[in-house]
Structure formats: structure tokens, C-alpha cells
Amino acid sequence: MKFTKKIIVSLCAAPLFLVAGESEDLARDMLHVTHYEQIIQTSIDVSVNLMKDMYPTVDCEALLRDFYNRHLDTQTLFNATANLYAQVFTAEELQGMLDYYRSPVGQSALAKLPDLMQASIQIIHTHLIDHMDELEALLEEIGHEVHLDAPIDCEAHTLELPVEHNS
């Protein structure tokens, strides 16, 4: 009797594993089609530039890029994001998105989205940078001493951290 239940459960669960596998494959295709690796690099560039704008007296571009490159492994992020897409979207939804992004309109959108996203982030940054004094005052109120305009020697604050790579 237990053997029969295992077979029935296995037969009922098998389509779920196939769908999950299909969704994962489609999610990976989706990330390739949408140039996910390039998006990660652009995000790093935007982050570095925002930090440079927010802290103009700090010359830490090399330090920031090294930090991001050591801790934002593209393949690990790609796999985690593909897994997330497979959990959130059905295979049918992923296929529909893939069809769109492979179309001429989708390709046009993909070409324009990086500049659009960067401009959107810059809008947010522009609105926040004007209020950094207010943020500094709020932080000081709760007991933190913040000096956003003081020069910082990044080389003196460098830590050697072990680097782990998942293979």
C-alpha cells in the first residue's frame, strides 16, 4: 500500500517538477534576452557615480569597483534572479514576456530602458541631494555624527576580506 501511494504521489508531482524546470529555463532565457549581465554592470556604474556625486571629496571609485566586483558575482546573481523569476511568474507568463522582448518593439524597449532607468535614478538622486543637510541634521538628532563634506581617506579604511566564489 505504501508503495502505491509513493507511485501516485510521484506521478502527481512529476508535472510540477517539469513545469518548475520549464519555468527555470524560460527565466534564464528571459535574463539572457534582457541582457541581465549588462544591467548588473550598469547598476554598479550608476551606484559608483551616485556615491561620487554624494561625496565629492571622497575619491574611492577604485575601492568601490573592487568591492562590487568581489561581492556581486554576476553568475550567482543571475542564478538567484532566474530562480526568483521562476517562482514569481508562470511558464506561460515568462513565455509571453520572452515573445515580447524578442519582438521589434521589445528590442526597442530593451535598447532604451538602460538610459531611461539611469535618468530615473538621477531624478531621484537630484531630489535627495538637495535635502542631505536635513538628513544630516536628523541623524545628528539621534546621536550619530555625520560629516558628509569632510574628506575621507579611503585607502586608510581598506580591509582585506577573503573572497568566496561559488563554482
Protein backbone atom coordinates (compact mmCIF):
# COMPACT_ATOMS: atom_id res chain seq x y z
CA MET A 1 0.00 0.00 0.00
CA LYS A 2 2.81 2.44 0.87
CA PHE A 3 4.47 1.65 -2.46
CA THR A 4 1.29 2.51 -4.37
CA LYS A 5 0.98 5.83 -2.53
CA LYS A 6 4.57 6.68 -3.45
CA ILE A 7 3.90 5.95 -7.11
CA ILE A 8 0.71 8.03 -7.10
CA VAL A 9 2.45 10.92 -5.33
CA SER A 10 5.38 10.66 -7.77
CA LEU A 11 3.10 10.67 -10.78
CA CYS A 12 1.12 13.63 -9.46
CA ALA A 13 4.26 15.60 -8.57
CA ALA A 14 6.13 14.89 -11.82
CA PRO A 15 4.25 17.51 -13.85
CA LEU A 16 5.06 20.08 -11.15
CA PHE A 17 8.79 19.37 -11.50
CA LEU A 18 8.52 19.62 -15.28
CA VAL A 19 6.73 22.97 -15.01
CA ALA A 20 9.29 24.22 -12.50
CA GLY A 21 12.11 23.15 -14.81
CA GLU A 22 10.40 24.77 -17.76
CA SER A 23 9.90 27.99 -15.80
CA GLU A 24 13.56 28.00 -14.73
CA ASP A 25 14.71 27.52 -18.33
CA LEU A 26 12.40 30.29 -19.52
CA ALA A 27 13.57 32.55 -16.70
CA ARG A 28 17.20 32.01 -17.73
CA ASP A 29 16.28 32.74 -21.36
CA MET A 30 14.49 35.87 -20.19
CA LEU A 31 17.57 37.13 -18.36
CA HIS A 32 19.77 36.45 -21.38
CA VAL A 33 17.38 38.21 -23.76
CA THR A 34 17.12 41.22 -21.43
CA HIS A 35 20.94 41.44 -21.07
CA TYR A 36 20.92 40.86 -17.32
CA GLU A 37 24.72 40.84 -17.02
CA GLN A 38 24.86 44.28 -18.65
CA ILE A 39 22.16 45.52 -16.26
CA ILE A 40 24.31 44.47 -13.30
CA GLN A 41 27.32 46.34 -14.70
CA THR A 42 25.20 49.43 -15.39
CA SER A 43 23.84 49.27 -11.84
CA ILE A 44 27.39 49.21 -10.49
CA ASP A 45 28.32 52.19 -12.68
CA VAL A 46 25.27 54.15 -11.52
CA SER A 47 25.98 53.33 -7.88
CA VAL A 48 29.62 54.42 -8.16
CA ASN A 49 28.61 57.65 -9.89
CA LEU A 50 25.94 58.40 -7.29
CA MET A 51 28.47 57.88 -4.50
CA LYS A 52 30.90 60.21 -6.28
CA ASP A 53 28.15 62.84 -6.59
CA MET A 54 27.02 62.46 -2.99
CA TYR A 55 30.55 62.53 -1.57
CA PRO A 56 32.60 64.67 -3.96
CA THR A 57 35.51 64.94 -1.50
CA VAL A 58 35.93 61.16 -1.46
CA ASP A 59 37.99 59.59 -4.23
CA CYS A 60 37.05 55.94 -3.83
CA GLU A 61 36.00 54.85 -7.30
CA ALA A 62 38.63 52.11 -7.49
CA LEU A 63 37.74 50.93 -3.98
CA LEU A 64 34.01 50.82 -4.78
CA ARG A 65 34.51 48.99 -8.08
CA ASP A 66 36.78 46.45 -6.40
CA PHE A 67 34.23 45.96 -3.60
CA TYR A 68 31.34 45.45 -6.04
CA ASN A 69 33.35 43.13 -8.26
CA ARG A 70 34.32 40.97 -5.29
CA HIS A 71 30.84 40.76 -3.80
CA LEU A 72 28.47 40.93 -6.75
CA ASP A 73 29.28 37.75 -8.63
CA THR A 74 27.28 38.01 -11.85
CA GLN A 75 26.64 34.27 -12.17
CA THR A 76 25.40 33.97 -8.58
CA LEU A 77 23.10 36.96 -9.08
CA PHE A 78 21.95 35.57 -12.43
CA ASN A 79 21.03 32.19 -10.88
CA ALA A 80 19.26 33.77 -7.90
CA THR A 81 17.30 36.13 -10.15
CA ALA A 82 16.35 33.34 -12.57
CA ASN A 83 15.12 31.33 -9.59
CA LEU A 84 13.10 34.32 -8.39
CA TYR A 85 11.53 34.84 -11.84
CA ALA A 86 10.63 31.12 -11.97
CA GLN A 87 8.92 31.43 -8.58
CA VAL A 88 7.02 34.62 -9.37
CA PHE A 89 5.97 34.03 -12.98
CA THR A 90 4.30 31.04 -14.58
CA ALA A 91 5.87 29.39 -17.62
CA GLU A 92 3.12 30.96 -19.74
CA GLU A 93 3.88 34.44 -18.40
CA LEU A 94 7.60 34.01 -18.95
CA GLN A 95 6.99 32.81 -22.49
CA GLY A 96 4.80 35.85 -23.17
CA MET A 97 7.49 38.19 -21.84
CA LEU A 98 10.13 36.41 -23.92
CA ASP A 99 7.97 36.75 -27.03
CA TYR A 100 7.60 40.47 -26.32
CA TYR A 101 11.31 41.11 -25.67
CA ARG A 102 12.26 39.20 -28.81
CA SER A 103 9.86 41.31 -30.92
CA PRO A 104 10.98 44.56 -32.62
CA VAL A 105 9.05 46.63 -30.05
CA GLY A 106 10.59 44.64 -27.19
CA GLN A 107 14.08 45.05 -28.66
CA SER A 108 13.47 48.79 -28.93
CA ALA A 109 12.35 48.91 -25.31
CA LEU A 110 15.43 46.96 -24.21
CA ALA A 111 17.67 49.40 -26.05
CA LYS A 112 16.03 52.40 -24.37
CA LEU A 113 15.48 51.06 -20.84
CA PRO A 114 19.07 51.46 -19.53
CA ASP A 115 19.12 55.17 -20.34
CA LEU A 116 15.58 55.55 -19.02
CA MET A 117 16.48 53.81 -15.75
CA GLN A 118 19.64 55.89 -15.34
CA ALA A 119 17.66 59.08 -15.94
CA SER A 120 15.03 57.94 -13.41
CA ILE A 121 17.69 57.24 -10.80
CA GLN A 122 19.25 60.64 -11.49
CA ILE A 123 15.86 62.30 -10.91
CA ILE A 124 15.60 60.59 -7.52
CA HIS A 125 19.19 61.48 -6.69
CA THR A 126 18.67 65.12 -7.68
CA HIS A 127 15.68 65.39 -5.38
CA LEU A 128 17.52 63.78 -2.48
CA ILE A 129 20.86 65.59 -2.80
CA ASP A 130 19.14 68.90 -2.12
CA HIS A 131 18.00 67.55 1.24
CA MET A 132 21.21 65.96 2.53
CA ASP A 133 21.60 68.72 5.14
CA GLU A 134 18.21 67.76 6.53
CA LEU A 135 19.24 64.10 6.64
CA GLU A 136 22.48 65.02 8.38
CA ALA A 137 20.52 67.01 10.99
CA LEU A 138 18.11 64.13 11.55
CA LEU A 139 20.97 61.69 12.03
CA GLU A 140 22.70 64.05 14.44
CA GLU A 141 19.45 64.32 16.42
CA ILE A 142 19.50 60.61 17.09
CA GLY A 143 23.12 60.70 18.18
CA HIS A 144 25.06 59.96 15.00
CA GLU A 145 27.84 62.28 13.97
CA VAL A 146 27.84 62.65 10.22
CA HIS A 147 30.12 64.86 8.18
CA LEU A 148 29.22 64.46 4.53
CA ASP A 149 31.60 67.18 3.36
CA ALA A 150 34.68 66.02 5.28
CA PRO A 151 37.46 64.43 3.23
CA ILE A 152 37.79 60.69 3.74
CA ASP A 153 40.97 58.75 3.08
CA CYS A 154 39.61 55.53 1.58
CA GLU A 155 43.00 53.88 1.40
CA ALA A 156 43.29 54.14 5.19
CA HIS A 157 39.92 52.37 5.54
CA THR A 158 40.61 49.45 3.19
CA LEU A 159 40.00 45.98 4.57
CA GLU A 160 41.33 42.80 3.05
CA LEU A 161 38.44 40.38 3.01
CA PRO A 162 38.52 36.74 1.93
CA VAL A 163 36.82 36.25 -1.41
CA GLU A 164 34.46 33.33 -1.82
CA HIS A 165 33.48 32.13 -5.26
CA ASN A 166 30.75 29.60 -5.84
CA SER A 167 31.65 27.23 -8.61
